[in-house]
C-alpha atoms as a PDB file:
ATOM      1  CA  MET A   1      14.106  -1.381  18.593  1.00  0.00           C
ATOM      2  CA  LEU A   2      10.391  -1.000  18.178  1.00  0.00           C
ATOM      3  CA  THR A   3      10.084  -2.033  14.926  1.00  0.00           C
ATOM      4  CA  THR A   4      12.025  -5.695  15.917  1.00  0.00           C
ATOM      5  CA  LEU A   5       9.889  -5.427  18.511  1.00  0.00           C
ATOM      6  CA  ARG A   6       6.705  -6.358  16.483  1.00  0.00           C
ATOM      7  CA  ARG A   7       8.988  -7.961  13.761  1.00  0.00           C
ATOM      8  CA  GLU A   8       9.577 -10.488  16.509  1.00  0.00           C
ATOM      9  CA  TYR A   9       6.019 -10.219  17.628  1.00  0.00           C
ATOM     10  CA  ALA A  10       4.853 -13.413  16.302  1.00  0.00           C
ATOM     11  CA  GLN A  11       7.538 -16.001  16.808  1.00  0.00           C
ATOM     12  CA  PHE A  12       7.158 -14.510  20.590  1.00  0.00           C
ATOM     13  CA  VAL A  13       3.119 -15.148  21.324  1.00  0.00           C
ATOM     14  CA  THR A  14       3.000 -19.061  20.009  1.00  0.00           C
ATOM     15  CA  SER A  15       7.310 -19.823  20.767  1.00  0.00           C
ATOM     16  CA  GLY A  16       7.840 -18.052  24.277  1.00  0.00           C
ATOM     17  CA  GLY A  17       3.958 -17.671  25.528  1.00  0.00           C
ATOM     18  CA  GLN A  18       3.434 -21.663  24.546  1.00  0.00           C
ATOM     19  CA  LEU A  19       6.861 -22.633  26.656  1.00  0.00           C
ATOM     20  CA  ILE A  20       5.881 -20.434  29.642  1.00  0.00           C
ATOM     21  CA  LEU A  21       1.890 -22.414  29.679  1.00  0.00           C
ATOM     22  CA  LEU A  22       4.116 -25.835  29.390  1.00  0.00           C
ATOM     23  CA  LEU A  23       6.342 -25.073  32.071  1.00  0.00           C
ATOM     24  CA  VAL A  24       2.803 -23.433  34.333  1.00  0.00           C
ATOM     25  CA  GLY A  25       1.488 -27.147  33.762  1.00  0.00           C
ATOM     26  CA  ILE A  26       4.346 -28.788  35.060  1.00  0.00           C
ATOM     27  CA  LYS A  27       4.359 -26.885  37.686  1.00  0.00           C
ATOM     28  CA  LEU A  28       0.885 -27.499  38.836  1.00  0.00           C
ATOM     29  CA  GLU A  29       1.276 -31.107  38.438  1.00  0.00           C
ATOM     30  CA  SER A  30      -3.016 -31.664  38.174  1.00  0.00           C
ATOM     31  CA  ARG A  31      -5.247 -32.552  35.761  1.00  0.00           C
ATOM     32  CA  ILE A  32      -6.984 -29.750  35.666  1.00  0.00           C
ATOM     33  CA  GLY A  33      -4.343 -27.735  35.757  1.00  0.00           C
ATOM     34  CA  TRP A  34      -2.882 -29.719  32.323  1.00  0.00           C
ATOM     35  CA  LEU A  35      -6.666 -29.213  30.672  1.00  0.00           C
ATOM     36  CA  TRP A  36      -6.397 -25.536  31.601  1.00  0.00           C
ATOM     37  CA  CYS A  37      -2.588 -24.838  30.366  1.00  0.00           C
ATOM     38  CA  LEU A  38      -3.496 -27.010  26.653  1.00  0.00           C
ATOM     39  CA  GLY A  39      -6.419 -24.898  26.192  1.00  0.00           C
ATOM     40  CA  CYS A  40      -4.305 -21.211  26.431  1.00  0.00           C
ATOM     41  CA  MET A  41      -2.203 -23.063  23.580  1.00  0.00           C
ATOM     42  CA  SER A  42      -4.610 -23.698  21.999  1.00  0.00           C
ATOM     43  CA  ALA A  43      -6.476 -20.362  21.827  1.00  0.00           C
ATOM     44  CA  VAL A  44      -2.719 -18.950  20.863  1.00  0.00           C
ATOM     45  CA  SER A  45      -2.028 -21.037  18.257  1.00  0.00           C
ATOM     46  CA  LEU A  46      -5.613 -19.941  17.159  1.00  0.00           C
ATOM     47  CA  PHE A  47      -4.713 -16.652  17.389  1.00  0.00           C
ATOM     48  CA  ALA A  48      -0.616 -17.184  15.290  1.00  0.00           C
ATOM     49  CA  TRP A  49      -3.412 -18.848  12.979  1.00  0.00           C
ATOM     50  CA  TYR A  50      -5.583 -15.947  12.877  1.00  0.00           C
ATOM     51  CA  SER A  51      -3.294 -13.578  12.341  1.00  0.00           C
ATOM     52  CA  ALA A  52      -1.170 -15.575   9.199  1.00  0.00           C
ATOM     53  CA  LEU A  53      -3.295 -16.051   7.456  1.00  0.00           C
ATOM     54  CA  HIS A  54      -5.151 -12.761   7.640  1.00  0.00           C
ATOM     55  CA  ARG A  55      -2.232 -11.320   6.094  1.00  0.00           C
ATOM     56  CA  LEU A  56      -2.170 -14.161   3.898  1.00  0.00           C
ATOM     57  CA  ARG A  57      -5.045 -12.246   1.913  1.00  0.00           C
ATOM     58  CA  ALA A  58      -4.004  -9.531   2.691  1.00  0.00           C
ATOM     59  CA  ILE A  59      -1.025 -10.126  -0.076  1.00  0.00           C
ATOM     60  CA  SER A  60      -2.990 -12.805  -2.002  1.00  0.00           C
ATOM     61  CA  GLY A  61      -5.688  -9.782  -2.418  1.00  0.00           C
ATOM     62  CA  THR A  62      -3.672  -7.837  -4.252  1.00  0.00           C
ATOM     63  CA  PRO A  63      -2.678  -7.280  -7.461  1.00  0.00           C
ATOM     64  CA  THR A  64       0.751  -6.347  -8.563  1.00  0.00           C
ATOM     65  CA  SER A  65       0.411  -2.808  -9.646  1.00  0.00           C
ATOM     66  CA  ARG A  66       2.571  -0.104 -12.227  1.00  0.00           C
ATOM     67  CA  ILE A  67       3.743   2.426 -10.370  1.00  0.00           C
ATOM     68  CA  ALA A  68       3.159   5.423 -13.302  1.00  0.00           C
ATOM     69  CA  SER A  69      -0.703   3.860 -13.315  1.00  0.00           C
ATOM     70  CA  ALA A  70      -1.024   1.815  -9.240  1.00  0.00           C
ATOM     71  CA  ALA A  71      -3.676   3.939  -8.250  1.00  0.00           C
ATOM     72  CA  GLN A  72      -3.438   5.423  -3.811  1.00  0.00           C
ATOM     73  CA  GLY A  73      -3.701   3.093  -1.212  1.00  0.00           C
ATOM     74  CA  TYR A  74      -2.727  -0.469  -0.749  1.00  0.00           C
ATOM     75  CA  VAL A  75      -0.999  -1.948  -3.803  1.00  0.00           C
ATOM     76  CA  GLU A  76       1.733  -4.534  -4.175  1.00  0.00           C
ATOM     77  CA  LEU A  77       4.941  -3.391  -7.129  1.00  0.00           C
ATOM     78  CA  THR A  78       8.355  -4.476  -7.714  1.00  0.00           C
ATOM     79  CA  GLY A  79      11.475  -3.320  -9.642  1.00  0.00           C
ATOM     80  CA  ARG A  80      14.754  -2.853  -9.181  1.00  0.00           C
ATOM     81  CA  GLY A  81      16.362  -0.907  -6.080  1.00  0.00           C
ATOM     82  CA  ARG A  82      17.976   2.336  -6.197  1.00  0.00           C
ATOM     83  CA  PRO A  83      20.094   4.583  -3.729  1.00  0.00           C
ATOM     84  CA  GLY A  84      18.239   7.869  -2.609  1.00  0.00           C
ATOM     85  CA  PRO A  85      19.560  11.311  -3.524  1.00  0.00           C
ATOM     86  CA  ILE A  86      22.063  10.649  -0.336  1.00  0.00           C
ATOM     87  CA  PRO A  87      23.976   7.480  -0.953  1.00  0.00           C
ATOM     88  CA  LEU A  88      24.158   5.159   2.086  1.00  0.00           C
ATOM     89  CA  ILE A  89      26.835   2.713   3.339  1.00  0.00           C
ATOM     90  CA  SER A  90      26.335   0.134   5.879  1.00  0.00           C
ATOM     91  CA  LYS A  91      27.120  -0.034   9.707  1.00  0.00           C
ATOM     92  CA  LEU A  92      29.064  -2.954   9.905  1.00  0.00           C
ATOM     93  CA  ARG A  93      30.942  -4.197   6.112  1.00  0.00           C
ATOM     94  CA  VAL A  94      30.941   0.014   5.510  1.00  0.00           C
ATOM     95  CA  LEU A  95      29.575  -0.873   1.479  1.00  0.00           C
ATOM     96  CA  PRO A  96      27.137   0.268  -0.367  1.00  0.00           C
ATOM     97  CA  CYS A  97      23.448   0.098  -0.010  1.00  0.00           C
ATOM     98  CA  LEU A  98      19.898   1.099  -0.734  1.00  0.00           C
ATOM     99  CA  TRP A  99      19.198  -0.352   3.837  1.00  0.00           C
ATOM    100  CA  TYR A 100      20.635  -2.365   6.230  1.00  0.00           C
ATOM    101  CA  ARG A 101      20.582  -4.170   9.601  1.00  0.00           C
ATOM    102  CA  TRP A 102      23.440  -5.309  11.885  1.00  0.00           C
ATOM    103  CA  LYS A 103      23.111  -6.859  15.241  1.00  0.00           C
ATOM    104  CA  VAL A 104      26.742  -7.344  17.738  1.00  0.00           C
ATOM    105  CA  GLU A 105      26.343 -10.236  20.058  1.00  0.00           C
ATOM    106  CA  GLN A 106      29.338 -11.325  22.137  1.00  0.00           C
ATOM    107  CA  ARG A 107      29.895 -14.875  23.793  1.00  0.00           C
ATOM    108  CA  ASN A 108      29.671 -15.418  27.714  1.00  0.00           C
ATOM    109  CA  SER A 109      31.186 -17.808  30.337  1.00  0.00           C
ATOM    110  CA  LYS A 110      28.986 -20.269  29.654  1.00  0.00           C
ATOM    111  CA  ASN A 111      29.334 -20.763  26.100  1.00  0.00           C
ATOM    112  CA  GLN A 112      26.044 -18.156  24.812  1.00  0.00           C
ATOM    113  CA  TRP A 113      25.437 -15.538  22.840  1.00  0.00           C
ATOM    114  CA  SER A 114      24.134 -12.275  24.143  1.00  0.00           C
ATOM    115  CA  THR A 115      23.578  -9.287  21.783  1.00  0.00           C
ATOM    116  CA  LEU A 116      25.324  -6.141  22.069  1.00  0.00           C
ATOM    117  CA  ASP A 117      23.966  -4.256  19.779  1.00  0.00           C
ATOM    118  CA  LYS A 118      21.525  -3.520  16.769  1.00  0.00           C
ATOM    119  CA  GLY A 119      19.534  -1.181  14.753  1.00  0.00           C
ATOM    120  CA  GLU A 120      18.329  -0.929  11.244  1.00  0.00           C
ATOM    121  CA  SER A 121      18.976   1.977   8.811  1.00  0.00           C
ATOM    122  CA  SER A 122      15.923   4.332   7.871  1.00  0.00           C
ATOM    123  CA  ASP A 123      16.750   5.872   5.250  1.00  0.00           C
ATOM    124  CA  TYR A 124      14.583   6.921   2.393  1.00  0.00           C
ATOM    125  CA  PHE A 125      15.973   4.254  -1.127  1.00  0.00           C
ATOM    126  CA  VAL A 126      13.776   3.984  -5.232  1.00  0.00           C
ATOM    127  CA  LEU A 127      12.087   1.340  -7.181  1.00  0.00           C
ATOM    128  CA  ARG A 128      12.085   1.776 -10.576  1.00  0.00           C
ATOM    129  CA  ASP A 129      10.614   0.114 -12.951  1.00  0.00           C
ATOM    130  CA  ASN A 130       9.368   0.554 -16.949  1.00  0.00           C
ATOM    131  CA  SER A 131       6.913   2.998 -16.362  1.00  0.00           C
ATOM    132  CA  GLY A 132       8.446   4.782 -12.631  1.00  0.00           C
ATOM    133  CA  GLU A 133       9.421   5.581  -9.112  1.00  0.00           C
ATOM    134  CA  CYS A 134       8.320   5.061  -6.556  1.00  0.00           C
ATOM    135  CA  VAL A 135      10.173   6.560  -2.594  1.00  0.00           C
ATOM    136  CA  VAL A 136       9.824   3.269  -0.217  1.00  0.00           C
ATOM    137  CA  ASP A 137      10.143   4.516   3.252  1.00  0.00           C
ATOM    138  CA  PRO A 138      11.405   1.280   4.979  1.00  0.00           C
ATOM    139  CA  GLY A 139      10.811   3.051   8.845  1.00  0.00           C
ATOM    140  CA  GLN A 140       7.914   0.085  10.681  1.00  0.00           C
ATOM    141  CA  ALA A 141       8.411  -2.344   7.892  1.00  0.00           C
ATOM    142  CA  GLU A 142       8.964  -5.987   7.517  1.00  0.00           C
ATOM    143  CA  ILE A 143      12.075  -6.697   5.139  1.00  0.00           C
ATOM    144  CA  ILE A 144      13.239 -10.099   3.938  1.00  0.00           C
ATOM    145  CA  THR A 145      16.588  -9.884   2.595  1.00  0.00           C
ATOM    146  CA  LYS A 146      18.611 -12.582   1.085  1.00  0.00           C
ATOM    147  CA  HIS A 147      22.433 -10.765   2.115  1.00  0.00           C
ATOM    148  CA  ARG A 148      23.282 -11.730   5.174  1.00  0.00           C
ATOM    149  CA  ASP A 149      27.170 -12.009   6.472  1.00  0.00           C
ATOM    150  CA  GLU A 150      27.928 -13.217   9.448  1.00  0.00           C
ATOM    151  CA  TRP A 151      31.542 -13.288  10.697  1.00  0.00           C
ATOM    152  CA  SER A 152      33.103 -14.105  14.219  1.00  0.00           C
ATOM    153  CA  ASP A 153      36.388 -12.089  15.750  1.00  0.00           C
ATOM    154  CA  GLY A 154      36.745 -13.456  19.203  1.00  0.00           C
ATOM    155  CA  SER A 155      34.039 -13.799  21.530  1.00  0.00           C
ATOM    156  CA  TYR A 156      32.582 -11.141  19.114  1.00  0.00           C
ATOM    157  CA  ARG A 157      29.835 -12.284  16.430  1.00  0.00           C
ATOM    158  CA  TYR A 158      28.750 -10.153  14.352  1.00  0.00           C
ATOM    159  CA  THR A 159      26.280 -10.263  12.165  1.00  0.00           C
ATOM    160  CA  GLU A 160      24.111  -7.511   8.642  1.00  0.00           C
ATOM    161  CA  TRP A 161      21.604  -7.795   6.945  1.00  0.00           C
ATOM    162  CA  LYS A 162      21.678  -5.850   3.796  1.00  0.00           C
ATOM    163  CA  LEU A 163      19.093  -4.248   0.616  1.00  0.00           C
ATOM    164  CA  ILE A 164      21.176  -3.625  -2.257  1.00  0.00           C
ATOM    165  CA  ARG A 165      20.940  -1.444  -5.680  1.00  0.00           C
ATOM    166  CA  ASP A 166      20.231  -3.495  -8.400  1.00  0.00           C
ATOM    167  CA  ASP A 167      18.337  -6.264  -5.779  1.00  0.00           C
ATOM    168  CA  LEU A 168      14.451  -6.738  -7.745  1.00  0.00           C
ATOM    169  CA  LEU A 169      12.111  -6.089  -4.350  1.00  0.00           C
ATOM    170  CA  TYR A 170       8.469  -6.825  -3.846  1.00  0.00           C
ATOM    171  CA  VAL A 171       7.142  -4.911  -1.765  1.00  0.00           C
ATOM    172  CA  ILE A 172       3.407  -3.736  -0.094  1.00  0.00           C
ATOM    173  CA  GLY A 173       1.803  -0.800   1.371  1.00  0.00           C
ATOM    174  CA  GLU A 174      -0.137   2.199   0.928  1.00  0.00           C
ATOM    175  CA  PHE A 175       0.928   3.661  -2.365  1.00  0.00           C
ATOM    176  CA  LYS A 176       0.802   7.954  -1.864  1.00  0.00           C
ATOM    177  CA  THR A 177       1.680  10.214  -4.734  1.00  0.00           C
ATOM    178  CA  ILE A 178       2.238  13.938  -3.568  1.00  0.00           C
ATOM    179  CA  GLY A 179       3.106  17.075  -5.542  1.00  0.00           C
ATOM    180  CA  GLY A 180       1.504  17.712  -8.786  1.00  0.00           C
ATOM    181  CA  SER A 181      -1.307  16.158 -10.146  1.00  0.00           C
ATOM    182  CA  GLY A 182      -1.530  14.704  -6.891  1.00  0.00           C
ATOM    183  CA  THR A 183      -1.577  17.524  -4.182  1.00  0.00           C
ATOM    184  CA  PRO A 184      -4.820  17.597  -1.866  1.00  0.00           C
ATOM    185  CA  LEU A 185      -5.131  21.383  -2.320  1.00  0.00           C
ATOM    186  CA  THR A 186      -7.909  23.791  -3.418  1.00  0.00           C
ATOM    187  CA  HIS A 187      -8.301  26.137  -4.881  1.00  0.00           C
ATOM    188  CA  ASP A 188      -9.984  27.538  -2.303  1.00  0.00           C
ATOM    189  CA  ASP A 189      -7.056  26.466   0.537  1.00  0.00           C
ATOM    190  CA  PHE A 190      -4.626  28.976  -1.365  1.00  0.00           C
ATOM    191  CA  VAL A 191      -7.455  31.483  -1.217  1.00  0.00           C
ATOM    192  CA  LYS A 192      -6.811  31.058   2.405  1.00  0.00           C
ATOM    193  CA  GLN A 193      -3.345  30.300   2.554  1.00  0.00           C
ATOM    194  CA  VAL A 194      -3.103  33.881   0.697  1.00  0.00           C
ATOM    195  CA  LEU A 195      -5.489  35.857   2.527  1.00  0.00           C
ATOM    196  CA  ALA A 196      -3.556  35.290   5.543  1.00  0.00           C
ATOM    197  CA  GLU A 197      -0.198  35.675   4.418  1.00  0.00           C
ATOM    198  CA  TRP A 198      -1.262  39.030   3.888  1.00  0.00           C
ATOM    199  CA  LYS A 199      -2.903  39.918   7.050  1.00  0.00           C
ATOM    200  CA  MET A 200      -0.019  39.311   8.470  1.00  0.00           C
ATOM    201  CA  ASP A 201       1.408  42.807   7.090  1.00  0.00           C
ATOM    202  CA  ASN A 202      -1.519  44.860   7.814  1.00  0.00           C
ATOM    203  CA  ALA A 203       0.256  47.707   7.041  1.00  0.00           C
ATOM    204  CA  ASP A 204       1.050  46.637   3.046  1.00  0.00           C
ATOM    205  CA  LEU A 205      -2.292  44.632   2.449  1.00  0.00           C
ATOM    206  CA  LEU A 206      -3.674  49.248   3.467  1.00  0.00           C
ATOM    207  CA  LYS A 207      -1.561  50.107   1.425  1.00  0.00           C
ATOM    208  CA  ARG A 208      -3.212  47.899  -1.300  1.00  0.00           C
ATOM    209  CA  PHE A 209      -6.159  47.562  -0.868  1.00  0.00           C
ATOM    210  CA  ASP A 210      -7.337  51.245   1.404  1.00  0.00           C
ATOM    211  CA  LEU A 211      -8.254  53.755  -1.730  1.00  0.00           C
ATOM    212  CA  ASP A 212     -10.388  56.307   1.203  1.00  0.00           C
ATOM    213  CA  ASN A 213      -7.309  55.690   3.562  1.00  0.00           C
ATOM    214  CA  ASN A 214      -9.326  55.778   6.454  1.00  0.00           C
ATOM    215  CA  GLY A 215      -6.981  53.289   7.977  1.00  0.00           C
ATOM    216  CA  GLU A 216      -9.328  50.229   7.779  1.00  0.00           C
ATOM    217  CA  LEU A 217     -10.560  48.056   5.240  1.00  0.00           C
ATOM    218  CA  ASP A 218     -14.822  48.690   4.472  1.00  0.00           C
ATOM    219  CA  MET A 219     -16.646  45.759   3.093  1.00  0.00           C
ATOM    220  CA  ARG A 220     -16.012  46.759  -0.469  1.00  0.00           C
ATOM    221  CA  GLU A 221     -12.125  46.542   0.021  1.00  0.00           C
ATOM    222  CA  TRP A 222     -12.477  43.499   1.424  1.00  0.00           C
ATOM    223  CA  MET A 223     -14.058  41.860  -1.705  1.00  0.00           C
ATOM    224  CA  LEU A 224     -11.406  43.462  -3.844  1.00  0.00           C
ATOM    225  CA  ALA A 225      -8.798  42.905  -1.928  1.00  0.00           C
ATOM    226  CA  ARG A 226     -10.283  39.327  -2.541  1.00  0.00           C
ATOM    227  CA  SER A 227     -10.883  38.781  -5.361  1.00  0.00           C
ATOM    228  CA  ALA A 228      -7.022  39.675  -5.750  1.00  0.00           C
ATOM    229  CA  ALA A 229      -6.659  36.537  -3.310  1.00  0.00           C
ATOM    230  CA  LYS A 230      -7.767  34.375  -5.575  1.00  0.00           C
ATOM    231  CA  ARG A 231      -6.540  35.293  -8.324  1.00  0.00           C
ATOM    232  CA  GLU A 232      -2.987  34.752  -6.798  1.00  0.00           C
ATOM    233  CA  ALA A 233      -4.555  31.282  -5.673  1.00  0.00           C
ATOM    234  CA  GLU A 234      -5.574  30.511  -9.375  1.00  0.00           C
ATOM    235  CA  LYS A 235      -1.370  30.880 -10.081  1.00  0.00           C
ATOM    236  CA  ARG A 236      -0.279  29.192  -7.352  1.00  0.00           C
ATOM    237  CA  LEU A 237      -1.597  25.934  -8.003  1.00  0.00           C
ATOM    238  CA  ASP A 238      -1.327  26.382 -11.743  1.00  0.00           C
ATOM    239  CA  GLN A 239       1.958  26.160 -10.436  1.00  0.00           C
ATOM    240  CA  ALA A 240       2.252  23.290  -7.940  1.00  0.00           C
ATOM    241  CA  ARG A 241      -0.016  20.970 -10.203  1.00  0.00           C
ATOM    242  CA  SER A 242       2.870  21.563 -12.885  1.00  0.00           C
ATOM    243  CA  GLU A 243       6.010  20.481 -10.613  1.00  0.00           C
ATOM    244  CA  PRO A 244       6.707  16.601 -11.004  1.00  0.00           C
ATOM    245  CA  ASP A 245       4.547  14.330  -9.033  1.00  0.00           C
ATOM    246  CA  THR A 246       6.363  12.402  -6.394  1.00  0.00           C
ATOM    247  CA  ASN A 247       5.302   8.882  -5.367  1.00  0.00           C
ATOM    248  CA  PHE A 248       5.312   7.492  -1.946  1.00  0.00           C
ATOM    249  CA  MET A 249       5.413   3.152  -0.286  1.00  0.00           C
ATOM    250  CA  LEU A 250       4.617   4.157   3.066  1.00  0.00           C
ATOM    251  CA  LYS A 251       3.485   2.248   6.338  1.00  0.00           C
ATOM    252  CA  PRO A 252      -0.010   1.717   6.280  1.00  0.00           C
ATOM    253  CA  ASN A 253      -1.578   2.217   9.259  1.00  0.00           C
ATOM    254  CA  ALA A 254      -3.248  -1.742   9.481  1.00  0.00           C
ATOM    255  CA  SER A 255      -0.623  -3.051  11.875  1.00  0.00           C
ATOM    256  CA  LEU A 256      -1.732  -6.506  10.227  1.00  0.00           C
ATOM    257  CA  THR A 257      -0.512  -6.114   6.690  1.00  0.00           C
ATOM    258  CA  ARG A 258       2.075  -2.978   7.680  1.00  0.00           C
ATOM    259  CA  ALA A 259       3.603  -2.759   4.499  1.00  0.00           C
ATOM    260  CA  ALA A 260       7.359  -5.517   3.406  1.00  0.00           C
ATOM    261  CA  ARG A 261       9.894  -5.508   1.237  1.00  0.00           C
ATOM    262  CA  ILE A 262      11.655  -8.807   0.157  1.00  0.00           C
ATOM    263  CA  THR A 263      14.410  -9.719  -2.785  1.00  0.00           C
ATOM    264  CA  TRP A 264      14.320 -13.369  -4.302  1.00  0.00           C
ATOM    265  CA  SER A 265      16.638 -14.870  -6.148  1.00  0.00           C
ATOM    266  CA  ARG A 266      17.306 -13.665  -9.526  1.00  0.00           C
ATOM    267  CA  ASN A 267      17.575 -16.746 -11.231  1.00  0.00           C
ATOM    268  CA  ALA A 268      14.166 -17.666 -13.279  1.00  0.00           C
ATOM    269  CA  SER A 269      13.690 -21.058 -12.467  1.00  0.00           C
ATOM    270  CA  SER A 270      12.930 -18.696  -8.873  1.00  0.00           C
ATOM    271  CA  PRO A 271       9.000 -18.596  -7.841  1.00  0.00           C
ATOM    272  CA  PRO A 272       7.430 -14.808  -8.417  1.00  0.00           C
ATOM    273  CA  PRO A 273       8.030 -12.637  -4.797  1.00  0.00           C
ATOM    274  CA  ARG A 274       4.459 -13.344  -3.778  1.00  0.00           C
ATOM    275  CA  SER A 275       4.194 -16.671  -3.903  1.00  0.00           C
ATOM    276  CA  ARG A 276       7.576 -17.489  -1.858  1.00  0.00           C
ATOM    277  CA  TYR A 277       6.036 -14.110   0.840  1.00  0.00           C
ATOM    278  CA  SER A 278       2.804 -16.141   0.606  1.00  0.00           C
ATOM    279  CA  ARG A 279       3.818 -19.053   1.064  1.00  0.00           C
ATOM    280  CA  GLY A 280       5.769 -18.377   4.240  1.00  0.00           C
ATOM    281  CA  PHE A 281       2.408 -18.015   6.166  1.00  0.00           C
ATOM    282  CA  ARG A 282       0.111 -20.206   4.040  1.00  0.00           C
ATOM    283  CA  HIS A 283       3.361 -22.208   5.938  1.00  0.00           C
ATOM    284  CA  ARG A 284       2.936 -20.685   9.304  1.00  0.00           C
ATOM    285  CA  ALA A 285      -0.540 -20.902   8.976  1.00  0.00           C
ATOM    286  CA  ILE A 286      -0.773 -24.897   8.514  1.00  0.00           C
ATOM    287  CA  TRP A 287       1.485 -25.714  11.677  1.00  0.00           C
ATOM    288  CA  CYS A 288      -0.356 -23.477  14.369  1.00  0.00           C
ATOM    289  CA  VAL A 289      -3.649 -25.328  13.116  1.00  0.00           C
ATOM    290  CA  ALA A 290      -1.567 -28.865  14.348  1.00  0.00           C
ATOM    291  CA  ARG A 291       0.024 -27.059  16.737  1.00  0.00           C
ATOM    292  CA  CYS A 292      -3.841 -26.212  18.122  1.00  0.00           C
ATOM    293  CA  THR A 293      -5.497 -29.746  16.913  1.00  0.00           C
ATOM    294  CA  ARG A 294      -2.468 -31.581  18.862  1.00  0.00           C
ATOM    295  CA  HIS A 295      -2.766 -29.933  21.979  1.00  0.00           C
ATOM    296  CA  ARG A 296      -6.675 -30.665  22.247  1.00  0.00           C
ATOM    297  CA  GLY A 297      -5.617 -33.925  23.775  1.00  0.00           C
ATOM    298  CA  PRO A 298      -8.268 -36.743  24.788  1.00  0.00           C
ATOM    299  CA  SER A 299     -12.077 -35.247  25.954  1.00  0.00           C
ATOM    300  CA  SER A 300     -12.308 -37.772  28.802  1.00  0.00           C
END
């Protein structure tokens, strides 16, 4: 639900907010009231323009990277979609997919549709290019897909969107490598971890390092324990670094540039995904400026 609200926030601000201001202006029936409402509508359009322009710059200014050589941080990737370790089945069509969103609506006596239920999956899927793989977290992401099914059954209408296997995907977000060479733990971290584990079993610690059997560790015995902990920490660090790296694409911290996924046509004549996606924000920015200019009206 939170993801849906965030996805529809910009449309609500520009369209819903301006409609409310227009109704307020009609209700006031005064020149001053109309000027205030038109000024507020211009401010809303200006805010929407800035938001669209900010996201356009973030997308246009991010070069496409290969998974194997991508830097840690905000990056753009393209590749084919692959399912995760657990197969995912869509809720309405019951078909295998990478991700799905659904909506169930009912027609009332006024021939209007009201939403009864909606939601989307949160399972991870895999993005693969010719250099490696990356696990994609679709949580709180803006996802645009060409796979949309809609059908009716009596007074009910069902809609389902999907990403499917082998879709060519464009992904932008926070790239992070976990495990193996990318482990954030240092040798000192492992030393602290080993000593903390040994202190939990004090009897075994005394048995191993209390050389004079007086029931406590003196300075010399404690230094022996630390030396043994360093050797154990070195083994654990080598083992951690030998594990394979796992790459993740996650939601960035910046709310205006949150992770986005998009599928596009496999037809070679179709525009590249970034140009199609950024074109949408460019058109939105121009549209907002046009609305802002239109709302200014005469100065006298």
